[in-house]
Amino acid sequence: MFGPQVPSVTADEVATDAYLIDVREPDEWAAGHAPGAHHLPMMEIPARMSEVPTDREVVVVCRSGGRSGQVVAYLMGNGWDNVHNLDGGMQSWQAVGRDVVSENGQPAQVL
């Protein structure tokens, strides 16, 4: 989707110990996200970049891969070389059978 300048991984390729950053909006996060993911909405990235690790694999995720690809490009432009876009986002994560949990007490769903 973003070409060779934005490295991507598929949902099947995400290591269990990867640092997963979910850049979706709070309602999307509450409805369903990957267990162990860290919520860091896209618009908060510039102010919260210090929370993004530089010493381990970081996978950025949104609903379908568009917003997360923009965040990966932004982070790479600011010196991160350990970031990857989740190809297909949470939709592909759920489609391959990876776990999804909710924060709102309802059955988890990807919005």
C-alpha atoms as a PDB file:
ATOM      1  CA  MET A   1       0.000   0.000   0.000  1.00  0.00           C
ATOM      2  CA  PHE A   2       2.766   2.476   0.896  1.00  0.00           C
ATOM      3  CA  GLY A   3       5.602   1.004  -1.149  1.00  0.00           C
ATOM      4  CA  PRO A   4       9.049  -0.035  -0.016  1.00  0.00           C
ATOM      5  CA  GLN A   5       9.649   3.085   2.101  1.00  0.00           C
ATOM      6  CA  VAL A   6       7.108   1.906   4.734  1.00  0.00           C
ATOM      7  CA  PRO A   7       7.957  -1.574   5.996  1.00  0.00           C
ATOM      8  CA  SER A   8       4.948  -3.775   6.662  1.00  0.00           C
ATOM      9  CA  VAL A   9       4.208  -7.096   8.315  1.00  0.00           C
ATOM     10  CA  THR A  10       1.173  -9.324   8.032  1.00  0.00           C
ATOM     11  CA  ALA A  11      -0.887 -10.272  11.068  1.00  0.00           C
ATOM     12  CA  ASP A  12       0.606 -13.784  10.902  1.00  0.00           C
ATOM     13  CA  GLU A  13       4.139 -12.342  11.031  1.00  0.00           C
ATOM     14  CA  VAL A  14       3.724 -10.226  14.180  1.00  0.00           C
ATOM     15  CA  ALA A  15       5.888 -11.726  16.910  1.00  0.00           C
ATOM     16  CA  THR A  16       4.258 -12.322  20.271  1.00  0.00           C
ATOM     17  CA  ASP A  17       6.832 -10.025  21.906  1.00  0.00           C
ATOM     18  CA  ALA A  18       6.415  -7.143  19.423  1.00  0.00           C
ATOM     19  CA  TYR A  19       5.424  -3.766  20.884  1.00  0.00           C
ATOM     20  CA  LEU A  20       2.033  -3.145  19.274  1.00  0.00           C
ATOM     21  CA  ILE A  21       0.808   0.462  19.041  1.00  0.00           C
ATOM     22  CA  ASP A  22      -2.861   0.978  18.180  1.00  0.00           C
ATOM     23  CA  VAL A  23      -3.360   4.450  16.697  1.00  0.00           C
ATOM     24  CA  ARG A  24      -7.160   4.298  16.345  1.00  0.00           C
ATOM     25  CA  GLU A  25      -9.638   6.571  18.088  1.00  0.00           C
ATOM     26  CA  PRO A  26     -10.819   5.802  21.663  1.00  0.00           C
ATOM     27  CA  ASP A  27     -14.164   4.313  20.561  1.00  0.00           C
ATOM     28  CA  GLU A  28     -12.423   1.976  18.105  1.00  0.00           C
ATOM     29  CA  TRP A  29      -9.942   0.915  20.795  1.00  0.00           C
ATOM     30  CA  ALA A  30     -12.693   0.277  23.368  1.00  0.00           C
ATOM     31  CA  ALA A  31     -14.680  -1.884  20.941  1.00  0.00           C
ATOM     32  CA  GLY A  32     -11.798  -4.221  20.173  1.00  0.00           C
ATOM     33  CA  HIS A  33      -8.015  -4.322  20.099  1.00  0.00           C
ATOM     34  CA  ALA A  34      -5.153  -6.780  20.259  1.00  0.00           C
ATOM     35  CA  PRO A  35      -4.337  -8.029  23.772  1.00  0.00           C
ATOM     36  CA  GLY A  36      -1.262  -6.280  25.138  1.00  0.00           C
ATOM     37  CA  ALA A  37      -1.435  -3.458  22.590  1.00  0.00           C
ATOM     38  CA  HIS A  38      -0.697   0.112  23.648  1.00  0.00           C
ATOM     39  CA  HIS A  39      -3.248   2.788  22.782  1.00  0.00           C
ATOM     40  CA  LEU A  40      -1.646   5.863  21.279  1.00  0.00           C
ATOM     41  CA  PRO A  41      -4.145   7.724  19.045  1.00  0.00           C
ATOM     42  CA  MET A  42      -2.693   8.982  15.784  1.00  0.00           C
ATOM     43  CA  MET A  43      -3.184  12.654  16.578  1.00  0.00           C
ATOM     44  CA  GLU A  44      -1.285  12.252  19.871  1.00  0.00           C
ATOM     45  CA  ILE A  45       1.837  10.726  18.288  1.00  0.00           C
ATOM     46  CA  PRO A  46       3.819  13.996  17.945  1.00  0.00           C
ATOM     47  CA  ALA A  47       3.355  14.820  21.641  1.00  0.00           C
ATOM     48  CA  ARG A  48       3.916  11.243  22.848  1.00  0.00           C
ATOM     49  CA  MET A  49       6.765  10.008  20.643  1.00  0.00           C
ATOM     50  CA  SER A  50       8.900   9.368  23.726  1.00  0.00           C
ATOM     51  CA  GLU A  51       6.560   6.431  24.476  1.00  0.00           C
ATOM     52  CA  VAL A  52       7.558   4.642  21.260  1.00  0.00           C
ATOM     53  CA  PRO A  53      10.418   2.202  21.935  1.00  0.00           C
ATOM     54  CA  THR A  54      13.606   2.430  19.919  1.00  0.00           C
ATOM     55  CA  ASP A  55      15.165  -0.813  21.154  1.00  0.00           C
ATOM     56  CA  ARG A  56      12.670  -3.461  19.966  1.00  0.00           C
ATOM     57  CA  GLU A  57      10.298  -4.257  17.115  1.00  0.00           C
ATOM     58  CA  VAL A  58       7.324  -1.894  16.999  1.00  0.00           C
ATOM     59  CA  VAL A  59       4.211  -2.715  14.964  1.00  0.00           C
ATOM     60  CA  VAL A  60       1.716   0.097  14.368  1.00  0.00           C
ATOM     61  CA  VAL A  61      -1.927  -0.820  13.751  1.00  0.00           C
ATOM     62  CA  CYS A  62      -5.196   0.892  12.825  1.00  0.00           C
ATOM     63  CA  ARG A  63      -8.400  -0.486  11.296  1.00  0.00           C
ATOM     64  CA  SER A  64      -7.147  -1.225   7.783  1.00  0.00           C
ATOM     65  CA  GLY A  65      -3.531  -0.021   7.573  1.00  0.00           C
ATOM     66  CA  GLY A  66      -3.893   3.543   6.249  1.00  0.00           C
ATOM     67  CA  ARG A  67      -3.468   5.603   9.397  1.00  0.00           C
ATOM     68  CA  SER A  68      -0.839   3.262  10.805  1.00  0.00           C
ATOM     69  CA  GLY A  69       1.160   3.535   7.566  1.00  0.00           C
ATOM     70  CA  GLN A  70       1.174   7.314   7.926  1.00  0.00           C
ATOM     71  CA  VAL A  71       2.366   6.962  11.537  1.00  0.00           C
ATOM     72  CA  VAL A  72       5.145   4.560  10.519  1.00  0.00           C
ATOM     73  CA  ALA A  73       6.294   7.021   7.829  1.00  0.00           C
ATOM     74  CA  TYR A  74       6.214   9.862  10.374  1.00  0.00           C
ATOM     75  CA  LEU A  75       8.210   7.879  12.944  1.00  0.00           C
ATOM     76  CA  MET A  76      10.749   6.820  10.323  1.00  0.00           C
ATOM     77  CA  GLY A  77      11.125  10.460   9.319  1.00  0.00           C
ATOM     78  CA  ASN A  78      11.923  11.223  12.950  1.00  0.00           C
ATOM     79  CA  GLY A  79      14.621   8.589  13.362  1.00  0.00           C
ATOM     80  CA  TRP A  80      12.850   5.319  14.165  1.00  0.00           C
ATOM     81  CA  ASP A  81      14.168   2.357  12.151  1.00  0.00           C
ATOM     82  CA  ASN A  82      12.366  -0.385  14.087  1.00  0.00           C
ATOM     83  CA  VAL A  83       8.752   0.325  13.085  1.00  0.00           C
ATOM     84  CA  HIS A  84       6.434  -1.666  10.825  1.00  0.00           C
ATOM     85  CA  ASN A  85       2.911  -1.135   9.562  1.00  0.00           C
ATOM     86  CA  LEU A  86       0.415  -3.949  10.191  1.00  0.00           C
ATOM     87  CA  ASP A  87      -0.755  -4.753   6.665  1.00  0.00           C
ATOM     88  CA  GLY A  88      -4.549  -4.776   6.654  1.00  0.00           C
ATOM     89  CA  GLY A  89      -4.759  -3.479  10.231  1.00  0.00           C
ATOM     90  CA  MET A  90      -7.095  -4.890  12.856  1.00  0.00           C
ATOM     91  CA  GLN A  91      -9.339  -6.227  10.101  1.00  0.00           C
ATOM     92  CA  SER A  92      -6.602  -8.627   8.967  1.00  0.00           C
ATOM     93  CA  TRP A  93      -5.603  -9.321  12.592  1.00  0.00           C
ATOM     94  CA  GLN A  94      -9.123 -10.551  13.327  1.00  0.00           C
ATOM     95  CA  ALA A  95      -9.479 -12.319   9.950  1.00  0.00           C
ATOM     96  CA  VAL A  96      -6.501 -14.598  10.636  1.00  0.00           C
ATOM     97  CA  GLY A  97      -7.905 -15.518  14.048  1.00  0.00           C
ATOM     98  CA  ARG A  98      -5.664 -13.467  16.326  1.00  0.00           C
ATOM     99  CA  ASP A  99      -7.261 -12.549  19.664  1.00  0.00           C
ATOM    100  CA  VAL A 100      -9.271  -9.340  20.034  1.00  0.00           C
ATOM    101  CA  VAL A 101     -10.390  -7.955  23.410  1.00  0.00           C
ATOM    102  CA  SER A 102     -12.701  -5.088  24.338  1.00  0.00           C
ATOM    103  CA  GLU A 103     -12.600  -2.414  27.025  1.00  0.00           C
ATOM    104  CA  ASN A 104     -16.337  -1.795  27.178  1.00  0.00           C
ATOM    105  CA  GLY A 105     -17.681  -5.124  28.475  1.00  0.00           C
ATOM    106  CA  GLN A 106     -19.204  -5.981  25.100  1.00  0.00           C
ATOM    107  CA  PRO A 107     -18.034  -8.773  22.776  1.00  0.00           C
ATOM    108  CA  ALA A 108     -14.901  -7.542  20.997  1.00  0.00           C
ATOM    109  CA  GLN A 109     -15.356  -6.163  17.499  1.00  0.00           C
ATOM    110  CA  VAL A 110     -13.228  -4.217  15.060  1.00  0.00           C
ATOM    111  CA  LEU A 111     -14.763  -0.849  14.172  1.00  0.00           C
END
